[in-house]
């Protein structure tokens, strides 16, 4: 996901309501999210669906890494050589 352009990618709710299709087109073309504000505070983010799916994929991977690190810290991991042996055995079966 590309970083925000502060001049273009933060809009008040009233402006968003008045130009929904324009802002959707902007998000689709630029691949940058749009922050929607209400009373000067961010309340929502509009993002391209492909960028959103990519973000979910990255979050799922990070969650799996976190779980693996926790399991290793708890002593539930296996050594590299054991893991390699298990993978090679499955490939040869």
C-alpha atoms as a PDB file:
ATOM      1  CA  UNK A   1       0.000   0.000   0.000  1.00  0.00           C
ATOM      2  CA  UNK A   2       1.374   3.388  -0.959  1.00  0.00           C
ATOM      3  CA  UNK A   3       1.795   6.094   1.684  1.00  0.00           C
ATOM      4  CA  UNK A   4      -0.824   8.796   2.097  1.00  0.00           C
ATOM      5  CA  UNK A   5      -0.633  12.061   0.219  1.00  0.00           C
ATOM      6  CA  UNK A   6      -1.768  14.336   3.039  1.00  0.00           C
ATOM      7  CA  UNK A   7      -3.116  16.983   0.654  1.00  0.00           C
ATOM      8  CA  UNK A   8      -5.349  14.534  -1.257  1.00  0.00           C
ATOM      9  CA  UNK A   9      -5.969  11.476   0.892  1.00  0.00           C
ATOM     10  CA  UNK A  10      -7.630  12.948   3.979  1.00  0.00           C
ATOM     11  CA  UNK A  11     -11.138  14.231   3.411  1.00  0.00           C
ATOM     12  CA  UNK A  12     -14.014  15.264   5.669  1.00  0.00           C
ATOM     13  CA  UNK A  13     -17.147  13.142   5.576  1.00  0.00           C
ATOM     14  CA  UNK A  14     -19.143  15.973   3.976  1.00  0.00           C
ATOM     15  CA  UNK A  15     -16.736  16.126   1.015  1.00  0.00           C
ATOM     16  CA  UNK A  16     -16.745  12.346   0.722  1.00  0.00           C
ATOM     17  CA  UNK A  17     -20.554  12.250   0.597  1.00  0.00           C
ATOM     18  CA  UNK A  18     -20.602  14.890  -2.122  1.00  0.00           C
ATOM     19  CA  UNK A  19     -18.053  13.093  -4.298  1.00  0.00           C
ATOM     20  CA  UNK A  20     -18.194   9.390  -3.471  1.00  0.00           C
ATOM     21  CA  UNK A  21     -17.575   8.169  -7.023  1.00  0.00           C
ATOM     22  CA  UNK A  22     -14.685  10.604  -7.483  1.00  0.00           C
ATOM     23  CA  UNK A  23     -12.998   9.373  -4.302  1.00  0.00           C
ATOM     24  CA  UNK A  24     -13.538   5.729  -5.230  1.00  0.00           C
ATOM     25  CA  UNK A  25     -11.936   6.417  -8.595  1.00  0.00           C
ATOM     26  CA  UNK A  26      -9.028   8.193  -6.859  1.00  0.00           C
ATOM     27  CA  UNK A  27      -8.417   5.237  -4.536  1.00  0.00           C
ATOM     28  CA  UNK A  28      -8.636   2.773  -7.423  1.00  0.00           C
ATOM     29  CA  UNK A  29      -6.222   4.716  -9.619  1.00  0.00           C
ATOM     30  CA  UNK A  30      -3.667   5.786  -7.004  1.00  0.00           C
ATOM     31  CA  UNK A  31      -3.765   2.606  -4.881  1.00  0.00           C
ATOM     32  CA  UNK A  32      -3.525   4.934  -1.864  1.00  0.00           C
ATOM     33  CA  UNK A  33      -6.082   4.756   0.958  1.00  0.00           C
ATOM     34  CA  UNK A  34      -8.442   7.631   1.701  1.00  0.00           C
ATOM     35  CA  UNK A  35      -8.924   8.674   5.322  1.00  0.00           C
ATOM     36  CA  UNK A  36     -12.390  10.031   6.042  1.00  0.00           C
ATOM     37  CA  UNK A  37     -12.702  12.420   8.965  1.00  0.00           C
ATOM     38  CA  UNK A  38     -15.635  13.578  11.033  1.00  0.00           C
ATOM     39  CA  UNK A  39     -15.323  16.528  13.399  1.00  0.00           C
ATOM     40  CA  UNK A  40     -11.592  16.629  12.618  1.00  0.00           C
ATOM     41  CA  UNK A  41     -10.903  13.023  13.623  1.00  0.00           C
ATOM     42  CA  UNK A  42     -10.277  10.011  11.416  1.00  0.00           C
ATOM     43  CA  UNK A  43     -13.295   7.681  11.427  1.00  0.00           C
ATOM     44  CA  UNK A  44     -12.854   5.428   8.388  1.00  0.00           C
ATOM     45  CA  UNK A  45     -10.439   4.373   5.673  1.00  0.00           C
ATOM     46  CA  UNK A  46     -11.422   3.615   2.092  1.00  0.00           C
ATOM     47  CA  UNK A  47      -8.988   1.392   0.246  1.00  0.00           C
ATOM     48  CA  UNK A  48      -8.756  -0.473  -3.046  1.00  0.00           C
ATOM     49  CA  UNK A  49      -9.994  -4.066  -2.728  1.00  0.00           C
ATOM     50  CA  UNK A  50      -6.789  -5.556  -4.146  1.00  0.00           C
ATOM     51  CA  UNK A  51      -4.717  -3.544  -1.667  1.00  0.00           C
ATOM     52  CA  UNK A  52      -7.067  -4.624   1.135  1.00  0.00           C
ATOM     53  CA  UNK A  53      -6.718  -8.315   0.222  1.00  0.00           C
ATOM     54  CA  UNK A  54      -2.919  -7.965   0.095  1.00  0.00           C
ATOM     55  CA  UNK A  55      -2.983  -6.335   3.529  1.00  0.00           C
ATOM     56  CA  UNK A  56      -5.071  -9.202   4.934  1.00  0.00           C
ATOM     57  CA  UNK A  57      -2.624 -11.724   3.492  1.00  0.00           C
ATOM     58  CA  UNK A  58       0.300  -9.921   5.137  1.00  0.00           C
ATOM     59  CA  UNK A  59      -1.562  -9.771   8.464  1.00  0.00           C
ATOM     60  CA  UNK A  60      -2.309 -13.499   8.318  1.00  0.00           C
ATOM     61  CA  UNK A  61       1.369 -14.228   7.669  1.00  0.00           C
ATOM     62  CA  UNK A  62       2.437 -11.986  10.551  1.00  0.00           C
ATOM     63  CA  UNK A  63      -0.071 -13.742  12.810  1.00  0.00           C
ATOM     64  CA  UNK A  64       1.382 -17.134  11.848  1.00  0.00           C
ATOM     65  CA  UNK A  65       4.908 -15.860  12.541  1.00  0.00           C
ATOM     66  CA  UNK A  66       3.797 -14.567  15.943  1.00  0.00           C
ATOM     67  CA  UNK A  67       2.214 -17.938  16.786  1.00  0.00           C
ATOM     68  CA  UNK A  68       5.369 -19.781  15.706  1.00  0.00           C
ATOM     69  CA  UNK A  69       7.589 -17.501  17.797  1.00  0.00           C
ATOM     70  CA  UNK A  70       5.337 -18.075  20.813  1.00  0.00           C
ATOM     71  CA  UNK A  71       5.459 -21.843  20.316  1.00  0.00           C
ATOM     72  CA  UNK A  72       9.257 -21.752  20.072  1.00  0.00           C
ATOM     73  CA  UNK A  73       9.524 -19.676  23.260  1.00  0.00           C
ATOM     74  CA  UNK A  74       7.307 -22.240  25.002  1.00  0.00           C
ATOM     75  CA  UNK A  75       9.647 -25.043  23.891  1.00  0.00           C
ATOM     76  CA  UNK A  76       7.226 -26.500  21.350  1.00  0.00           C
ATOM     77  CA  UNK A  77       9.440 -26.013  18.313  1.00  0.00           C
ATOM     78  CA  UNK A  78      11.542 -28.548  16.453  1.00  0.00           C
ATOM     79  CA  UNK A  79      15.106 -28.256  15.262  1.00  0.00           C
ATOM     80  CA  UNK A  80      15.970 -27.235  11.716  1.00  0.00           C
ATOM     81  CA  UNK A  81      17.435 -30.647  10.951  1.00  0.00           C
ATOM     82  CA  UNK A  82      14.299 -32.432  12.204  1.00  0.00           C
ATOM     83  CA  UNK A  83      12.069 -30.131  10.148  1.00  0.00           C
ATOM     84  CA  UNK A  84      14.219 -30.705   7.063  1.00  0.00           C
ATOM     85  CA  UNK A  85      14.038 -34.460   7.556  1.00  0.00           C
ATOM     86  CA  UNK A  86      10.258 -34.343   7.896  1.00  0.00           C
ATOM     87  CA  UNK A  87       9.868 -32.305   4.696  1.00  0.00           C
ATOM     88  CA  UNK A  88      12.240 -34.515   2.716  1.00  0.00           C
ATOM     89  CA  UNK A  89      10.467 -37.646   3.923  1.00  0.00           C
ATOM     90  CA  UNK A  90       7.099 -36.276   2.754  1.00  0.00           C
ATOM     91  CA  UNK A  91       8.549 -35.311  -0.614  1.00  0.00           C
ATOM     92  CA  UNK A  92       9.936 -38.811  -1.130  1.00  0.00           C
ATOM     93  CA  UNK A  93       6.678 -40.598  -0.203  1.00  0.00           C
END
